[in-house]
Amino acid sequence: ENEGLASVFVMAEPATSFITVTKKPETKWGDLKNKIVEDIKAVL
């Protein structure tokens, strides 16, 4: 869980997998990047 995120959408189809991340307006991407990448790697 990350309080700086507004939403996360994951579509896990074999040929068309993708992830969309939306942050809250007050949050900077630089503050989120490493945590998001770590979380994605943890579930793949």
PDB file of N, CA and C in Angstrom:
ATOM      1  N   GLU A   1       0.844  -1.187   0.000  1.00  0.00           N
ATOM      2  CA  GLU A   1       0.000   0.000   0.000  1.00  0.00           C
ATOM      3  C   GLU A   1       0.880   1.238   0.000  1.00  0.00           C
ATOM      4  N   ASN A   2       0.437   2.242  -0.730  1.00  0.00           N
ATOM      5  CA  ASN A   2       1.202   3.478  -0.838  1.00  0.00           C
ATOM      6  C   ASN A   2       0.223   4.646  -0.800  1.00  0.00           C
ATOM      7  N   GLU A   3       0.330   5.478   0.208  1.00  0.00           N
ATOM      8  CA  GLU A   3      -0.624   6.571   0.394  1.00  0.00           C
ATOM      9  C   GLU A   3      -0.515   7.659  -0.667  1.00  0.00           C
ATOM     10  N   GLY A   4       0.585   7.688  -1.418  1.00  0.00           N
ATOM     11  CA  GLY A   4       0.752   8.686  -2.464  1.00  0.00           C
ATOM     12  C   GLY A   4       0.039   8.341  -3.756  1.00  0.00           C
ATOM     13  N   LEU A   5      -0.495   7.126  -3.835  1.00  0.00           N
ATOM     14  CA  LEU A   5      -1.160   6.689  -5.064  1.00  0.00           C
ATOM     15  C   LEU A   5      -2.661   6.907  -4.995  1.00  0.00           C
ATOM     16  N   ALA A   6      -3.232   7.281  -6.125  1.00  0.00           N
ATOM     17  CA  ALA A   6      -4.677   7.415  -6.227  1.00  0.00           C
ATOM     18  C   ALA A   6      -5.290   6.106  -6.714  1.00  0.00           C
ATOM     19  N   SER A   7      -4.609   5.443  -7.695  1.00  0.00           N
ATOM     20  CA  SER A   7      -5.124   4.177  -8.210  1.00  0.00           C
ATOM     21  C   SER A   7      -4.041   3.407  -8.944  1.00  0.00           C
ATOM     22  N   VAL A   8      -4.266   2.093  -9.028  1.00  0.00           N
ATOM     23  CA  VAL A   8      -3.392   1.204  -9.796  1.00  0.00           C
ATOM     24  C   VAL A   8      -4.308   0.254 -10.556  1.00  0.00           C
ATOM     25  N   PHE A   9      -4.068   0.125 -11.854  1.00  0.00           N
ATOM     26  CA  PHE A   9      -4.837  -0.788 -12.686  1.00  0.00           C
ATOM     27  C   PHE A   9      -3.872  -1.770 -13.319  1.00  0.00           C
ATOM     28  N   VAL A  10      -4.176  -3.060 -13.206  1.00  0.00           N
ATOM     29  CA  VAL A  10      -3.329  -4.103 -13.781  1.00  0.00           C
ATOM     30  C   VAL A  10      -4.183  -4.951 -14.719  1.00  0.00           C
ATOM     31  N   MET A  11      -3.683  -5.142 -15.933  1.00  0.00           N
ATOM     32  CA  MET A  11      -4.308  -6.061 -16.883  1.00  0.00           C
ATOM     33  C   MET A  11      -3.267  -7.121 -17.193  1.00  0.00           C
ATOM     34  N   ALA A  12      -3.531  -8.327 -16.778  1.00  0.00           N
ATOM     35  CA  ALA A  12      -2.543  -9.402 -16.907  1.00  0.00           C
ATOM     36  C   ALA A  12      -3.016 -10.449 -17.905  1.00  0.00           C
ATOM     37  N   GLU A  13      -2.954 -10.113 -19.162  1.00  0.00           N
ATOM     38  CA  GLU A  13      -3.243 -11.050 -20.241  1.00  0.00           C
ATOM     39  C   GLU A  13      -1.913 -11.449 -20.865  1.00  0.00           C
ATOM     40  N   PRO A  14      -1.767 -12.684 -21.309  1.00  0.00           N
ATOM     41  CA  PRO A  14      -0.470 -13.139 -21.826  1.00  0.00           C
ATOM     42  C   PRO A  14       0.157 -12.240 -22.896  1.00  0.00           C
ATOM     43  N   ALA A  15      -0.610 -11.756 -23.831  1.00  0.00           N
ATOM     44  CA  ALA A  15      -0.017 -10.968 -24.917  1.00  0.00           C
ATOM     45  C   ALA A  15      -0.138  -9.457 -24.715  1.00  0.00           C
ATOM     46  N   THR A  16      -0.942  -9.029 -23.750  1.00  0.00           N
ATOM     47  CA  THR A  16      -1.212  -7.593 -23.612  1.00  0.00           C
ATOM     48  C   THR A  16      -1.195  -7.122 -22.164  1.00  0.00           C
ATOM     49  N   SER A  17      -0.227  -7.515 -21.400  1.00  0.00           N
ATOM     50  CA  SER A  17      -0.165  -7.112 -19.994  1.00  0.00           C
ATOM     51  C   SER A  17       0.315  -5.672 -19.865  1.00  0.00           C
ATOM     52  N   PHE A  18      -0.324  -4.930 -18.951  1.00  0.00           N
ATOM     53  CA  PHE A  18       0.160  -3.584 -18.660  1.00  0.00           C
ATOM     54  C   PHE A  18      -0.313  -3.144 -17.282  1.00  0.00           C
ATOM     55  N   ILE A  19       0.332  -2.104 -16.769  1.00  0.00           N
ATOM     56  CA  ILE A  19       0.007  -1.534 -15.464  1.00  0.00           C
ATOM     57  C   ILE A  19      -0.108  -0.027 -15.642  1.00  0.00           C
ATOM     58  N   THR A  20      -1.158   0.555 -15.063  1.00  0.00           N
ATOM     59  CA  THR A  20      -1.336   2.000 -15.058  1.00  0.00           C
ATOM     60  C   THR A  20      -1.344   2.468 -13.614  1.00  0.00           C
ATOM     61  N   VAL A  21      -0.528   3.475 -13.320  1.00  0.00           N
ATOM     62  CA  VAL A  21      -0.430   4.018 -11.964  1.00  0.00           C
ATOM     63  C   VAL A  21      -0.816   5.490 -12.013  1.00  0.00           C
ATOM     64  N   THR A  22      -1.730   5.898 -11.135  1.00  0.00           N
ATOM     65  CA  THR A  22      -2.127   7.297 -11.018  1.00  0.00           C
ATOM     66  C   THR A  22      -1.778   7.772  -9.616  1.00  0.00           C
ATOM     67  N   LYS A  23      -1.020   8.862  -9.543  1.00  0.00           N
ATOM     68  CA  LYS A  23      -0.613   9.387  -8.242  1.00  0.00           C
ATOM     69  C   LYS A  23      -1.553  10.497  -7.798  1.00  0.00           C
ATOM     70  N   LYS A  24      -1.534  10.794  -6.518  1.00  0.00           N
ATOM     71  CA  LYS A  24      -2.284  11.930  -5.999  1.00  0.00           C
ATOM     72  C   LYS A  24      -1.570  13.211  -6.428  1.00  0.00           C
ATOM     73  N   PRO A  25      -2.308  14.297  -6.650  1.00  0.00           N
ATOM     74  CA  PRO A  25      -1.696  15.535  -7.152  1.00  0.00           C
ATOM     75  C   PRO A  25      -0.561  16.071  -6.288  1.00  0.00           C
ATOM     76  N   GLU A  26      -0.647  15.893  -5.005  1.00  0.00           N
ATOM     77  CA  GLU A  26       0.370  16.434  -4.099  1.00  0.00           C
ATOM     78  C   GLU A  26       1.630  15.578  -4.002  1.00  0.00           C
ATOM     79  N   THR A  27       1.630  14.433  -4.644  1.00  0.00           N
ATOM     80  CA  THR A  27       2.757  13.509  -4.569  1.00  0.00           C
ATOM     81  C   THR A  27       3.644  13.660  -5.797  1.00  0.00           C
ATOM     82  N   LYS A  28       4.947  13.567  -5.597  1.00  0.00           N
ATOM     83  CA  LYS A  28       5.907  13.655  -6.703  1.00  0.00           C
ATOM     84  C   LYS A  28       6.278  12.246  -7.174  1.00  0.00           C
ATOM     85  N   TRP A  29       6.432  12.074  -8.496  1.00  0.00           N
ATOM     86  CA  TRP A  29       6.796  10.765  -9.048  1.00  0.00           C
ATOM     87  C   TRP A  29       8.114  10.267  -8.469  1.00  0.00           C
ATOM     88  N   GLY A  30       9.056  11.161  -8.261  1.00  0.00           N
ATOM     89  CA  GLY A  30      10.349  10.766  -7.714  1.00  0.00           C
ATOM     90  C   GLY A  30      10.235  10.091  -6.361  1.00  0.00           C
ATOM     91  N   ASP A  31       9.221  10.489  -5.588  1.00  0.00           N
ATOM     92  CA  ASP A  31       8.999   9.888  -4.275  1.00  0.00           C
ATOM     93  C   ASP A  31       8.381   8.499  -4.381  1.00  0.00           C
ATOM     94  N   LEU A  32       7.761   8.190  -5.493  1.00  0.00           N
ATOM     95  CA  LEU A  32       7.029   6.929  -5.664  1.00  0.00           C
ATOM     96  C   LEU A  32       7.773   5.873  -6.471  1.00  0.00           C
ATOM     97  N   LYS A  33       8.619   6.301  -7.382  1.00  0.00           N
ATOM     98  CA  LYS A  33       9.192   5.407  -8.395  1.00  0.00           C
ATOM     99  C   LYS A  33       9.774   4.121  -7.831  1.00  0.00           C
ATOM    100  N   ASN A  34      10.708   4.205  -6.903  1.00  0.00           N
ATOM    101  CA  ASN A  34      11.374   3.001  -6.397  1.00  0.00           C
ATOM    102  C   ASN A  34      10.400   2.057  -5.708  1.00  0.00           C
ATOM    103  N   LYS A  35       9.469   2.598  -4.927  1.00  0.00           N
ATOM    104  CA  LYS A  35       8.498   1.757  -4.223  1.00  0.00           C
ATOM    105  C   LYS A  35       7.575   1.057  -5.219  1.00  0.00           C
ATOM    106  N   ILE A  36       7.151   1.760  -6.252  1.00  0.00           N
ATOM    107  CA  ILE A  36       6.283   1.155  -7.263  1.00  0.00           C
ATOM    108  C   ILE A  36       7.004   0.005  -7.962  1.00  0.00           C
ATOM    109  N   VAL A  37       8.246   0.230  -8.375  1.00  0.00           N
ATOM    110  CA  VAL A  37       9.020  -0.810  -9.061  1.00  0.00           C
ATOM    111  C   VAL A  37       9.228  -2.011  -8.140  1.00  0.00           C
ATOM    112  N   GLU A  38       9.560  -1.780  -6.886  1.00  0.00           N
ATOM    113  CA  GLU A  38       9.737  -2.878  -5.923  1.00  0.00           C
ATOM    114  C   GLU A  38       8.456  -3.685  -5.775  1.00  0.00           C
ATOM    115  N   ASP A  39       7.320  -2.997  -5.652  1.00  0.00           N
ATOM    116  CA  ASP A  39       6.042  -3.685  -5.475  1.00  0.00           C
ATOM    117  C   ASP A  39       5.663  -4.505  -6.705  1.00  0.00           C
ATOM    118  N   ILE A  40       5.921  -3.968  -7.890  1.00  0.00           N
ATOM    119  CA  ILE A  40       5.629  -4.712  -9.120  1.00  0.00           C
ATOM    120  C   ILE A  40       6.494  -5.965  -9.193  1.00  0.00           C
ATOM    121  N   LYS A  41       7.770  -5.832  -8.930  1.00  0.00           N
ATOM    122  CA  LYS A  41       8.674  -6.988  -8.964  1.00  0.00           C
ATOM    123  C   LYS A  41       8.277  -8.045  -7.944  1.00  0.00           C
ATOM    124  N   ALA A  42       7.753  -7.628  -6.806  1.00  0.00           N
ATOM    125  CA  ALA A  42       7.371  -8.570  -5.748  1.00  0.00           C
ATOM    126  C   ALA A  42       6.201  -9.461  -6.151  1.00  0.00           C
ATOM    127  N   VAL A  43       5.348  -8.974  -7.047  1.00  0.00           N
ATOM    128  CA  VAL A  43       4.177  -9.769  -7.424  1.00  0.00           C
ATOM    129  C   VAL A  43       4.315 -10.465  -8.771  1.00  0.00           C
ATOM    130  N   LEU A  44       5.371 -10.181  -9.503  1.00  0.00           N
ATOM    131  CA  LEU A  44       5.559 -10.838 -10.805  1.00  0.00           C
ATOM    132  C   LEU A  44       6.296 -12.141 -10.664  1.00  0.00           C
TER     133      LEU A  44
END
